[in-house]
Amino acid sequence: MSKLKISFFMVLCCSALIANGCAKKELMKEGEGIPAASTVKPAEAAKPAVKEEAVQEQAVKEATVANKEESAASGQLQGMLNTIYFDFDSFVLSAASRESLSKNAGVLKKNSSAKVQIQGNCDERGSDEYNLALGEKRANAAMSYLLTMGVPANNLSIISYGKEKPADQGHDEAAWAKNRRDDFVVIK
């Protein structure tokens, strides 16, 4: 009895699929179609298209120029921002880091429309979870300092990369010291 029910169910499903899958769609409704050639004058139809193309080309050129200028300004600003470094297993700002952050704050206040992402990084020692948390603490420390220097909070964001983006691929103290850092990246 159960084999009969299963086979009946299978036949019912297959016929439903075939019935729904074979429907034909009407591509054009009756009465619609291409307008007769006598209703559209070729000379009149071409004029607006030419004007629209010229306007679109001009807009593209202006946008390209603006993007190049913005990229150049972002590149210049990026070059003015200093990376800061941290001691092993620490997110405390050193005197040198505070000095670099003060310079960064001056640059960011002069460029008040710039959006900067503070990227916390660590050396390869420690677990992934630990280094992500430490990188976040480092980025937060830098952001807090910049906020006290008067940089608007809506211009700053943070992210932690932990040990995923080393500046130096080496496996010694000199390489690790370069990897314990905060990078300041202009994102807009």
N, C-alpha and C. Protein backbone atom coordinates (compact mmCIF):
# COMPACT_ATOMS: atom_id res chain seq x y z
N MET A 1 0.81 -1.19 0.00
CA MET A 1 0.00 0.00 0.00
C MET A 1 0.85 1.26 0.00
N SER A 2 1.94 1.28 0.76
CA SER A 2 2.77 2.47 0.84
C SER A 2 3.53 2.71 -0.47
N LYS A 3 3.87 1.63 -1.19
CA LYS A 3 4.54 1.80 -2.48
C LYS A 3 3.60 2.45 -3.48
N LEU A 4 2.34 2.13 -3.40
CA LEU A 4 1.34 2.71 -4.27
C LEU A 4 1.17 4.21 -4.00
N LYS A 5 1.19 4.59 -2.71
CA LYS A 5 1.07 6.00 -2.33
C LYS A 5 2.29 6.79 -2.81
N ILE A 6 3.46 6.22 -2.65
CA ILE A 6 4.70 6.90 -3.05
C ILE A 6 4.73 7.09 -4.56
N SER A 7 4.37 6.04 -5.31
CA SER A 7 4.40 6.17 -6.76
C SER A 7 3.34 7.15 -7.25
N PHE A 8 2.16 7.18 -6.61
CA PHE A 8 1.12 8.15 -6.96
C PHE A 8 1.62 9.57 -6.69
N PHE A 9 2.26 9.76 -5.56
CA PHE A 9 2.81 11.08 -5.19
C PHE A 9 3.88 11.52 -6.18
N MET A 10 4.74 10.62 -6.60
CA MET A 10 5.80 10.94 -7.57
C MET A 10 5.20 11.34 -8.92
N VAL A 11 4.19 10.62 -9.37
CA VAL A 11 3.53 10.94 -10.63
C VAL A 11 2.86 12.30 -10.53
N LEU A 12 2.23 12.58 -9.40
CA LEU A 12 1.57 13.87 -9.19
C LEU A 12 2.58 15.02 -9.22
N CYS A 13 3.71 14.86 -8.56
CA CYS A 13 4.76 15.90 -8.54
C CYS A 13 5.33 16.12 -9.94
N CYS A 14 5.61 15.05 -10.65
CA CYS A 14 6.18 15.19 -12.00
C CYS A 14 5.21 15.91 -12.93
N SER A 15 3.93 15.56 -12.86
CA SER A 15 2.98 16.24 -13.73
C SER A 15 2.82 17.70 -13.35
N ALA A 16 2.91 18.04 -12.08
CA ALA A 16 2.83 19.45 -11.67
C ALA A 16 4.04 20.22 -12.20
N LEU A 17 5.21 19.64 -12.14
CA LEU A 17 6.41 20.30 -12.66
C LEU A 17 6.32 20.50 -14.17
N ILE A 18 5.86 19.49 -14.87
CA ILE A 18 5.76 19.60 -16.32
C ILE A 18 4.74 20.66 -16.70
N ALA A 19 3.60 20.68 -16.00
CA ALA A 19 2.55 21.64 -16.32
C ALA A 19 3.01 23.07 -16.06
N ASN A 20 3.74 23.31 -14.98
CA ASN A 20 4.20 24.68 -14.65
C ASN A 20 5.41 25.09 -15.47
N GLY A 21 6.24 24.14 -15.83
CA GLY A 21 7.46 24.47 -16.54
C GLY A 21 7.26 24.73 -18.02
N CYS A 22 6.15 24.35 -18.57
CA CYS A 22 5.94 24.48 -20.02
C CYS A 22 5.11 25.68 -20.40
N ALA A 23 4.82 26.57 -19.49
CA ALA A 23 3.98 27.72 -19.82
C ALA A 23 4.72 28.64 -20.77
N LYS A 24 4.02 29.16 -21.74
CA LYS A 24 4.59 30.07 -22.73
C LYS A 24 4.29 31.49 -22.30
N LYS A 25 5.27 32.34 -22.38
CA LYS A 25 5.08 33.74 -22.03
C LYS A 25 4.84 34.54 -23.29
N GLU A 26 3.96 35.50 -23.18
CA GLU A 26 3.65 36.37 -24.30
C GLU A 26 4.66 37.50 -24.28
N LEU A 27 5.44 37.64 -25.33
CA LEU A 27 6.49 38.64 -25.37
C LEU A 27 5.95 40.03 -25.65
N MET A 28 4.90 40.13 -26.43
CA MET A 28 4.35 41.43 -26.77
C MET A 28 2.83 41.33 -26.74
N LYS A 29 2.22 42.27 -26.08
CA LYS A 29 0.77 42.27 -26.02
C LYS A 29 0.20 42.70 -27.36
N GLU A 30 -1.03 42.27 -27.61
CA GLU A 30 -1.69 42.66 -28.84
C GLU A 30 -1.90 44.16 -28.86
N GLY A 31 -1.75 44.76 -29.98
CA GLY A 31 -1.95 46.20 -30.11
C GLY A 31 -0.67 46.98 -29.88
N GLU A 32 0.34 46.35 -29.25
CA GLU A 32 1.62 47.03 -29.06
C GLU A 32 2.52 46.63 -30.21
N GLY A 33 3.42 47.46 -30.48
CA GLY A 33 4.34 47.11 -31.56
C GLY A 33 5.25 48.27 -31.84
N ILE A 34 6.00 48.12 -32.88
CA ILE A 34 6.91 49.16 -33.29
C ILE A 34 6.10 50.25 -33.97
N PRO A 35 6.31 51.51 -33.58
CA PRO A 35 5.54 52.58 -34.21
C PRO A 35 5.81 52.64 -35.70
N ALA A 36 4.83 53.05 -36.41
CA ALA A 36 4.96 53.18 -37.86
C ALA A 36 6.02 54.21 -38.19
N ALA A 37 6.71 54.02 -39.28
CA ALA A 37 7.79 54.91 -39.68
C ALA A 37 7.29 56.32 -39.92
N SER A 38 6.05 56.47 -40.28
CA SER A 38 5.53 57.80 -40.60
C SER A 38 5.30 58.63 -39.35
N THR A 39 5.22 58.01 -38.15
CA THR A 39 4.95 58.78 -36.93
C THR A 39 6.21 59.38 -36.32
N VAL A 40 7.38 58.87 -36.64
CA VAL A 40 8.63 59.38 -36.07
C VAL A 40 9.47 59.95 -37.18
N LYS A 41 9.87 61.20 -37.01
CA LYS A 41 10.73 61.83 -38.00
C LYS A 41 12.17 61.61 -37.59
N PRO A 42 12.98 61.06 -38.46
CA PRO A 42 14.36 60.74 -38.12
C PRO A 42 15.17 61.95 -37.67
N ALA A 43 15.00 63.08 -38.26
CA ALA A 43 15.78 64.26 -37.90
C ALA A 43 15.45 64.73 -36.49
N GLU A 44 14.17 64.65 -36.10
CA GLU A 44 13.77 65.08 -34.76
C GLU A 44 14.24 64.08 -33.71
N ALA A 45 14.21 62.82 -34.00
CA ALA A 45 14.60 61.81 -33.04
C ALA A 45 16.10 61.84 -32.77
N ALA A 46 16.90 62.20 -33.71
CA ALA A 46 18.35 62.18 -33.55
C ALA A 46 18.86 63.35 -32.73
N LYS A 47 18.22 64.49 -32.80
CA LYS A 47 18.72 65.68 -32.10
C LYS A 47 18.79 65.50 -30.58
N PRO A 48 17.72 65.06 -29.89
CA PRO A 48 17.83 64.91 -28.44
C PRO A 48 18.88 63.87 -28.04
N ALA A 49 19.02 62.80 -28.81
CA ALA A 49 20.00 61.77 -28.47
C ALA A 49 21.41 62.34 -28.52
N VAL A 50 21.69 63.17 -29.51
CA VAL A 50 23.02 63.78 -29.61
C VAL A 50 23.27 64.67 -28.41
N LYS A 51 22.27 65.47 -28.04
CA LYS A 51 22.43 66.35 -26.88
C LYS A 51 22.64 65.54 -25.61
N GLU A 52 21.85 64.47 -25.43
CA GLU A 52 21.98 63.64 -24.25
C GLU A 52 23.36 63.00 -24.19
N GLU A 53 23.86 62.51 -25.32
CA GLU A 53 25.19 61.91 -25.35
C GLU A 53 26.25 62.92 -24.97
N ALA A 54 26.14 64.14 -25.48
CA ALA A 54 27.12 65.18 -25.16
C ALA A 54 27.08 65.52 -23.68
N VAL A 55 25.89 65.60 -23.11
CA VAL A 55 25.76 65.89 -21.68
C VAL A 55 26.34 64.76 -20.86
N GLN A 56 26.07 63.51 -21.25
CA GLN A 56 26.60 62.37 -20.53
C GLN A 56 28.12 62.31 -20.62
N GLU A 57 28.67 62.56 -21.80
CA GLU A 57 30.13 62.57 -21.96
C GLU A 57 30.76 63.65 -21.10
N GLN A 58 30.15 64.83 -21.06
CA GLN A 58 30.66 65.93 -20.24
C GLN A 58 30.63 65.55 -18.76
N ALA A 59 29.54 64.92 -18.32
CA ALA A 59 29.41 64.50 -16.92
C ALA A 59 30.46 63.46 -16.57
N VAL A 60 30.72 62.53 -17.48
CA VAL A 60 31.74 61.51 -17.24
C VAL A 60 33.12 62.16 -17.14
N LYS A 61 33.41 63.12 -18.03
CA LYS A 61 34.70 63.81 -18.00
C LYS A 61 34.87 64.56 -16.69
N GLU A 62 33.82 65.27 -16.25
CA GLU A 62 33.90 66.02 -15.00
C GLU A 62 34.09 65.09 -13.81
N ALA A 63 33.38 63.96 -13.80
CA ALA A 63 33.51 63.00 -12.71
C ALA A 63 34.92 62.40 -12.69
N THR A 64 35.48 62.14 -13.86
CA THR A 64 36.83 61.59 -13.94
C THR A 64 37.85 62.58 -13.40
N VAL A 65 37.72 63.83 -13.79
CA VAL A 65 38.63 64.87 -13.30
C VAL A 65 38.50 65.00 -11.79
N ALA A 66 37.26 65.01 -11.28
CA ALA A 66 37.04 65.14 -9.84
C ALA A 66 37.63 63.95 -9.10
N ASN A 67 37.47 62.73 -9.64
CA ASN A 67 38.04 61.54 -9.00
C ASN A 67 39.56 61.60 -8.98
N LYS A 68 40.16 62.07 -10.07
CA LYS A 68 41.63 62.18 -10.11
C LYS A 68 42.12 63.19 -9.09
N GLU A 69 41.42 64.33 -9.00
CA GLU A 69 41.81 65.34 -8.02
C GLU A 69 41.65 64.81 -6.60
N GLU A 70 40.53 64.11 -6.35
CA GLU A 70 40.29 63.55 -5.03
C GLU A 70 41.33 62.49 -4.70
N SER A 71 41.69 61.65 -5.66
CA SER A 71 42.71 60.63 -5.44
C SER A 71 44.06 61.26 -5.14
N ALA A 72 44.38 62.31 -5.86
CA ALA A 72 45.65 63.00 -5.61
C ALA A 72 45.66 63.60 -4.22
N ALA A 73 44.54 64.22 -3.84
CA ALA A 73 44.46 64.82 -2.50
C ALA A 73 44.54 63.74 -1.43
N SER A 74 43.86 62.60 -1.64
CA SER A 74 43.91 61.50 -0.68
C SER A 74 45.33 60.94 -0.58
N GLY A 75 46.00 60.82 -1.72
CA GLY A 75 47.37 60.32 -1.72
C GLY A 75 48.31 61.25 -0.98
N GLN A 76 48.13 62.56 -1.18
CA GLN A 76 48.96 63.53 -0.46
C GLN A 76 48.68 63.46 1.03
N LEU A 77 47.41 63.38 1.39
CA LEU A 77 47.04 63.29 2.80
C LEU A 77 47.58 62.01 3.41
N GLN A 78 47.47 60.90 2.67
CA GLN A 78 47.98 59.63 3.16
C GLN A 78 49.47 59.72 3.49
N GLY A 79 50.21 60.40 2.64
CA GLY A 79 51.64 60.56 2.85
C GLY A 79 51.98 61.43 4.06
N MET A 80 51.03 62.21 4.53
CA MET A 80 51.27 63.10 5.67
C MET A 80 50.95 62.44 7.01
N LEU A 81 50.28 61.30 6.99
CA LEU A 81 49.90 60.62 8.23
C LEU A 81 50.97 59.61 8.65
N ASN A 82 51.35 59.68 9.92
CA ASN A 82 52.42 58.83 10.44
C ASN A 82 51.87 57.55 11.06
N THR A 83 52.59 56.46 10.87
CA THR A 83 52.29 55.20 11.54
C THR A 83 52.86 55.29 12.95
N ILE A 84 52.15 54.68 13.90
CA ILE A 84 52.68 54.66 15.27
C ILE A 84 52.98 53.21 15.65
N TYR A 85 53.90 53.04 16.59
CA TYR A 85 54.36 51.70 16.98
C TYR A 85 54.17 51.48 18.48
N PHE A 86 54.06 50.21 18.86
CA PHE A 86 53.79 49.84 20.25
C PHE A 86 54.84 48.87 20.76
N ASP A 87 54.96 48.81 22.09
CA ASP A 87 55.82 47.83 22.73
C ASP A 87 55.14 46.47 22.70
N PHE A 88 55.92 45.42 22.98
CA PHE A 88 55.38 44.06 22.99
C PHE A 88 54.25 43.94 23.99
N ASP A 89 53.14 43.32 23.56
CA ASP A 89 51.99 43.01 24.42
C ASP A 89 51.44 44.26 25.12
N SER A 90 51.41 45.39 24.39
CA SER A 90 50.97 46.65 25.00
C SER A 90 50.15 47.46 24.01
N PHE A 91 49.24 48.24 24.55
CA PHE A 91 48.50 49.21 23.75
C PHE A 91 48.66 50.61 24.33
N VAL A 92 49.66 50.78 25.20
CA VAL A 92 49.96 52.08 25.81
C VAL A 92 50.74 52.92 24.80
N LEU A 93 50.31 54.17 24.66
CA LEU A 93 50.97 55.08 23.71
C LEU A 93 52.28 55.60 24.29
N SER A 94 53.36 55.41 23.56
CA SER A 94 54.66 55.93 23.98
C SER A 94 54.73 57.42 23.70
N ALA A 95 55.77 58.07 24.16
CA ALA A 95 55.95 59.50 23.91
C ALA A 95 56.08 59.76 22.40
N ALA A 96 56.81 58.90 21.71
CA ALA A 96 56.97 59.06 20.26
C ALA A 96 55.64 58.87 19.54
N SER A 97 54.83 57.93 20.01
CA SER A 97 53.52 57.71 19.40
C SER A 97 52.61 58.91 19.63
N ARG A 98 52.64 59.48 20.82
CA ARG A 98 51.80 60.66 21.11
C ARG A 98 52.24 61.85 20.26
N GLU A 99 53.52 61.98 20.02
CA GLU A 99 54.02 63.06 19.16
C GLU A 99 53.54 62.87 17.72
N SER A 100 53.62 61.63 17.21
CA SER A 100 53.14 61.35 15.86
C SER A 100 51.63 61.57 15.76
N LEU A 101 50.91 61.18 16.80
CA LEU A 101 49.46 61.37 16.80
C LEU A 101 49.10 62.85 16.83
N SER A 102 49.88 63.66 17.52
CA SER A 102 49.63 65.11 17.54
C SER A 102 49.80 65.69 16.14
N LYS A 103 50.81 65.23 15.41
CA LYS A 103 51.00 65.68 14.03
C LYS A 103 49.84 65.21 13.15
N ASN A 104 49.43 63.96 13.33
CA ASN A 104 48.30 63.42 12.56
C ASN A 104 47.03 64.22 12.85
N ALA A 105 46.83 64.60 14.11
CA ALA A 105 45.65 65.37 14.49
C ALA A 105 45.65 66.73 13.79
N GLY A 106 46.80 67.37 13.71
CA GLY A 106 46.90 68.65 13.00
C GLY A 106 46.54 68.51 11.53
N VAL A 107 47.04 67.46 10.91
CA VAL A 107 46.74 67.21 9.49
C VAL A 107 45.24 66.95 9.30
N LEU A 108 44.66 66.14 10.17
CA LEU A 108 43.25 65.79 10.04
C LEU A 108 42.33 66.97 10.33
N LYS A 109 42.73 67.84 11.23
CA LYS A 109 41.90 69.03 11.51
C LYS A 109 41.94 70.00 10.33
N LYS A 110 43.07 70.09 9.64
CA LYS A 110 43.17 70.95 8.45
C LYS A 110 42.36 70.37 7.29
N ASN A 111 42.24 69.05 7.24
CA ASN A 111 41.48 68.36 6.18
C ASN A 111 40.24 67.75 6.82
N SER A 112 39.32 68.61 7.22
CA SER A 112 38.18 68.18 8.02
C SER A 112 37.21 67.26 7.29
N SER A 113 37.29 67.18 5.97
CA SER A 113 36.38 66.28 5.24
C SER A 113 36.97 64.88 5.08
N ALA A 114 38.21 64.69 5.46
CA ALA A 114 38.88 63.39 5.29
C ALA A 114 38.35 62.37 6.30
N LYS A 115 38.14 61.16 5.82
CA LYS A 115 37.75 60.03 6.67
C LYS A 115 38.94 59.09 6.74
N VAL A 116 39.32 58.73 7.96
CA VAL A 116 40.52 57.91 8.16
C VAL A 116 40.16 56.67 8.97
N GLN A 117 40.69 55.55 8.52
CA GLN A 117 40.53 54.29 9.25
C GLN A 117 41.83 53.99 9.97
N ILE A 118 41.72 53.76 11.28
CA ILE A 118 42.89 53.40 12.09
C ILE A 118 42.94 51.88 12.14
N GLN A 119 44.03 51.31 11.63
CA GLN A 119 44.17 49.87 11.51
C GLN A 119 45.17 49.35 12.54
N GLY A 120 44.64 48.61 13.54
CA GLY A 120 45.49 48.03 14.58
C GLY A 120 46.11 46.74 14.12
N ASN A 121 47.42 46.60 14.35
CA ASN A 121 48.17 45.41 13.92
C ASN A 121 49.05 44.89 15.05
N CYS A 122 49.40 43.61 14.98
CA CYS A 122 50.22 42.95 15.99
C CYS A 122 51.30 42.12 15.30
N ASP A 123 52.27 41.66 16.10
CA ASP A 123 53.25 40.73 15.54
C ASP A 123 52.65 39.33 15.55
N GLU A 124 53.41 38.36 15.06
CA GLU A 124 52.88 37.02 14.85
C GLU A 124 52.75 36.19 16.12
N ARG A 125 53.29 36.66 17.21
CA ARG A 125 53.21 35.88 18.45
C ARG A 125 51.84 36.03 19.08
N GLY A 126 51.30 34.98 19.64
CA GLY A 126 49.99 34.99 20.27
C GLY A 126 48.93 34.40 19.36
N SER A 127 47.78 34.08 19.96
CA SER A 127 46.69 33.47 19.19
C SER A 127 46.00 34.52 18.32
N ASP A 128 45.24 34.04 17.34
CA ASP A 128 44.50 34.94 16.47
C ASP A 128 43.55 35.83 17.27
N GLU A 129 42.81 35.21 18.21
CA GLU A 129 41.84 35.95 19.00
C GLU A 129 42.52 37.02 19.85
N TYR A 130 43.62 36.63 20.49
CA TYR A 130 44.33 37.58 21.35
C TYR A 130 44.85 38.76 20.53
N ASN A 131 45.44 38.48 19.37
CA ASN A 131 46.00 39.54 18.55
C ASN A 131 44.92 40.45 17.96
N LEU A 132 43.76 39.89 17.61
CA LEU A 132 42.67 40.74 17.13
C LEU A 132 42.20 41.70 18.23
N ALA A 133 42.10 41.18 19.44
CA ALA A 133 41.68 42.03 20.57
C ALA A 133 42.74 43.09 20.86
N LEU A 134 44.00 42.71 20.83
CA LEU A 134 45.08 43.67 21.08
C LEU A 134 45.14 44.73 19.99
N GLY A 135 44.98 44.33 18.75
CA GLY A 135 44.95 45.29 17.64
C GLY A 135 43.82 46.29 17.79
N GLU A 136 42.66 45.81 18.25
CA GLU A 136 41.53 46.71 18.48
C GLU A 136 41.83 47.69 19.61
N LYS A 137 42.46 47.21 20.67
CA LYS A 137 42.82 48.10 21.79
C LYS A 137 43.81 49.17 21.33
N ARG A 138 44.73 48.78 20.47
CA ARG A 138 45.72 49.74 19.95
C ARG A 138 45.04 50.80 19.08
N ALA A 139 44.13 50.37 18.22
CA ALA A 139 43.41 51.32 17.37
C ALA A 139 42.53 52.25 18.22
N ASN A 140 41.89 51.69 19.24
CA ASN A 140 41.06 52.51 20.14
C ASN A 140 41.90 53.52 20.91
N ALA A 141 43.10 53.13 21.33
CA ALA A 141 43.97 54.05 22.05
C ALA A 141 44.34 55.24 21.16
N ALA A 142 44.67 54.97 19.92
CA ALA A 142 45.03 56.04 18.98
C ALA A 142 43.82 56.93 18.71
N MET A 143 42.65 56.31 18.51
CA MET A 143 41.45 57.09 18.23
C MET A 143 41.10 57.98 19.43
N SER A 144 41.18 57.45 20.63
CA SER A 144 40.88 58.25 21.83
C SER A 144 41.81 59.46 21.92
N TYR A 145 43.08 59.25 21.63
CA TYR A 145 44.04 60.36 21.67
C TYR A 145 43.69 61.41 20.62
N LEU A 146 43.37 60.98 19.41
CA LEU A 146 42.99 61.92 18.35
C LEU A 146 41.73 62.69 18.72
N LEU A 147 40.78 62.02 19.36
CA LEU A 147 39.55 62.71 19.79
C LEU A 147 39.85 63.78 20.82
N THR A 148 40.79 63.51 21.75
CA THR A 148 41.15 64.53 22.74
C THR A 148 41.90 65.70 22.10
N MET A 149 42.48 65.45 20.93
CA MET A 149 43.19 66.51 20.20
C MET A 149 42.24 67.32 19.32
N GLY A 150 40.94 66.96 19.30
CA GLY A 150 39.96 67.75 18.57
C GLY A 150 39.57 67.24 17.19
N VAL A 151 39.99 66.03 16.84
CA VAL A 151 39.59 65.45 15.56
C VAL A 151 38.15 64.96 15.71
N PRO A 152 37.25 65.31 14.79
CA PRO A 152 35.85 64.87 14.91
C PRO A 152 35.71 63.35 14.87
N ALA A 153 34.87 62.82 15.72
CA ALA A 153 34.68 61.37 15.83
C ALA A 153 34.12 60.76 14.54
N ASN A 154 33.28 61.51 13.83
CA ASN A 154 32.69 60.94 12.60
C ASN A 154 33.70 60.85 11.46
N ASN A 155 34.90 61.37 11.64
CA ASN A 155 35.95 61.25 10.62
C ASN A 155 36.87 60.06 10.87
N LEU A 156 36.65 59.34 11.97
CA LEU A 156 37.54 58.25 12.34
C LEU A 156 36.78 56.93 12.45
N SER A 157 37.43 55.85 12.08
CA SER A 157 36.92 54.51 12.30
C SER A 157 38.11 53.61 12.62
N ILE A 158 37.82 52.47 13.22
CA ILE A 158 38.91 51.55 13.58
C ILE A 158 38.61 50.16 13.03
N ILE A 159 39.69 49.40 12.88
CA ILE A 159 39.61 47.99 12.52
C ILE A 159 40.87 47.32 13.05
N SER A 160 40.74 46.07 13.43
CA SER A 160 41.89 45.31 13.88
C SER A 160 42.18 44.21 12.88
N TYR A 161 43.44 44.12 12.47
CA TYR A 161 43.86 43.04 11.60
C TYR A 161 44.66 41.98 12.36
N GLY A 162 44.90 42.23 13.64
CA GLY A 162 45.68 41.26 14.41
C GLY A 162 47.03 41.05 13.76
N LYS A 163 47.37 39.79 13.49
CA LYS A 163 48.66 39.48 12.87
C LYS A 163 48.52 39.19 11.37
N GLU A 164 47.37 39.53 10.77
CA GLU A 164 47.09 39.17 9.39
C GLU A 164 47.79 40.04 8.34
N LYS A 165 48.21 41.24 8.69
CA LYS A 165 48.85 42.13 7.71
C LYS A 165 50.21 42.61 8.23
N PRO A 166 51.19 41.73 8.26
CA PRO A 166 52.50 42.16 8.76
C PRO A 166 53.19 43.13 7.79
N ALA A 167 53.87 44.11 8.34
CA ALA A 167 54.65 45.04 7.53
C ALA A 167 55.98 44.40 7.14
N ASP A 168 56.46 43.48 7.98
CA ASP A 168 57.72 42.78 7.75
C ASP A 168 57.47 41.29 7.96
N GLN A 169 57.84 40.47 7.00
CA GLN A 169 57.59 39.03 7.06
C GLN A 169 58.59 38.26 7.92
N GLY A 170 59.58 38.96 8.47
CA GLY A 170 60.62 38.30 9.26
C GLY A 170 60.10 37.70 10.55
N HIS A 171 60.97 36.88 11.18
CA HIS A 171 60.59 36.20 12.42
C HIS A 171 61.59 36.52 13.53
N ASP A 172 61.93 37.80 13.65
CA ASP A 172 62.86 38.23 14.70
C ASP A 172 62.32 39.51 15.32
N GLU A 173 62.99 39.99 16.35
CA GLU A 173 62.51 41.16 17.09
C GLU A 173 62.40 42.40 16.21
N ALA A 174 63.32 42.58 15.29
CA ALA A 174 63.27 43.76 14.41
C ALA A 174 62.00 43.74 13.56
N ALA A 175 61.64 42.58 13.02
CA ALA A 175 60.42 42.46 12.22
C ALA A 175 59.19 42.62 13.09
N TRP A 176 59.19 42.00 14.26
CA TRP A 176 58.04 42.09 15.15
C TRP A 176 57.77 43.53 15.58
N ALA A 177 58.86 44.29 15.80
CA ALA A 177 58.69 45.69 16.22
C ALA A 177 58.00 46.51 15.12
N LYS A 178 58.27 46.19 13.85
CA LYS A 178 57.62 46.90 12.74
C LYS A 178 56.14 46.51 12.60
N ASN A 179 55.80 45.31 13.06
CA ASN A 179 54.44 44.80 12.90
C ASN A 179 53.50 45.25 14.03
N ARG A 180 54.04 45.68 15.17
CA ARG A 180 53.21 46.16 16.28
C ARG A 180 52.92 47.64 16.05
N ARG A 181 51.84 47.91 15.29
CA ARG A 181 51.65 49.28 14.82
C ARG A 181 50.18 49.61 14.60
N ASP A 182 49.92 50.90 14.43
CA ASP A 182 48.64 51.41 13.93
C ASP A 182 48.93 52.16 12.64
N ASP A 183 48.22 51.76 11.58
CA ASP A 183 48.31 52.47 10.30
C ASP A 183 47.10 53.39 10.18
N PHE A 184 47.28 54.52 9.53
CA PHE A 184 46.21 55.49 9.31
C PHE A 184 45.97 55.56 7.81
N VAL A 185 44.80 55.06 7.39
CA VAL A 185 44.49 54.93 5.97
C VAL A 185 43.33 55.86 5.61
N VAL A 186 43.56 56.73 4.63
CA VAL A 186 42.51 57.64 4.15
C VAL A 186 41.52 56.83 3.32
N ILE A 187 40.27 56.82 3.75
CA ILE A 187 39.26 56.05 3.01
C ILE A 187 38.31 56.95 2.24
N LYS A 188 38.36 58.25 2.46
CA LYS A 188 37.54 59.19 1.71
C LYS A 188 38.08 60.58 1.84
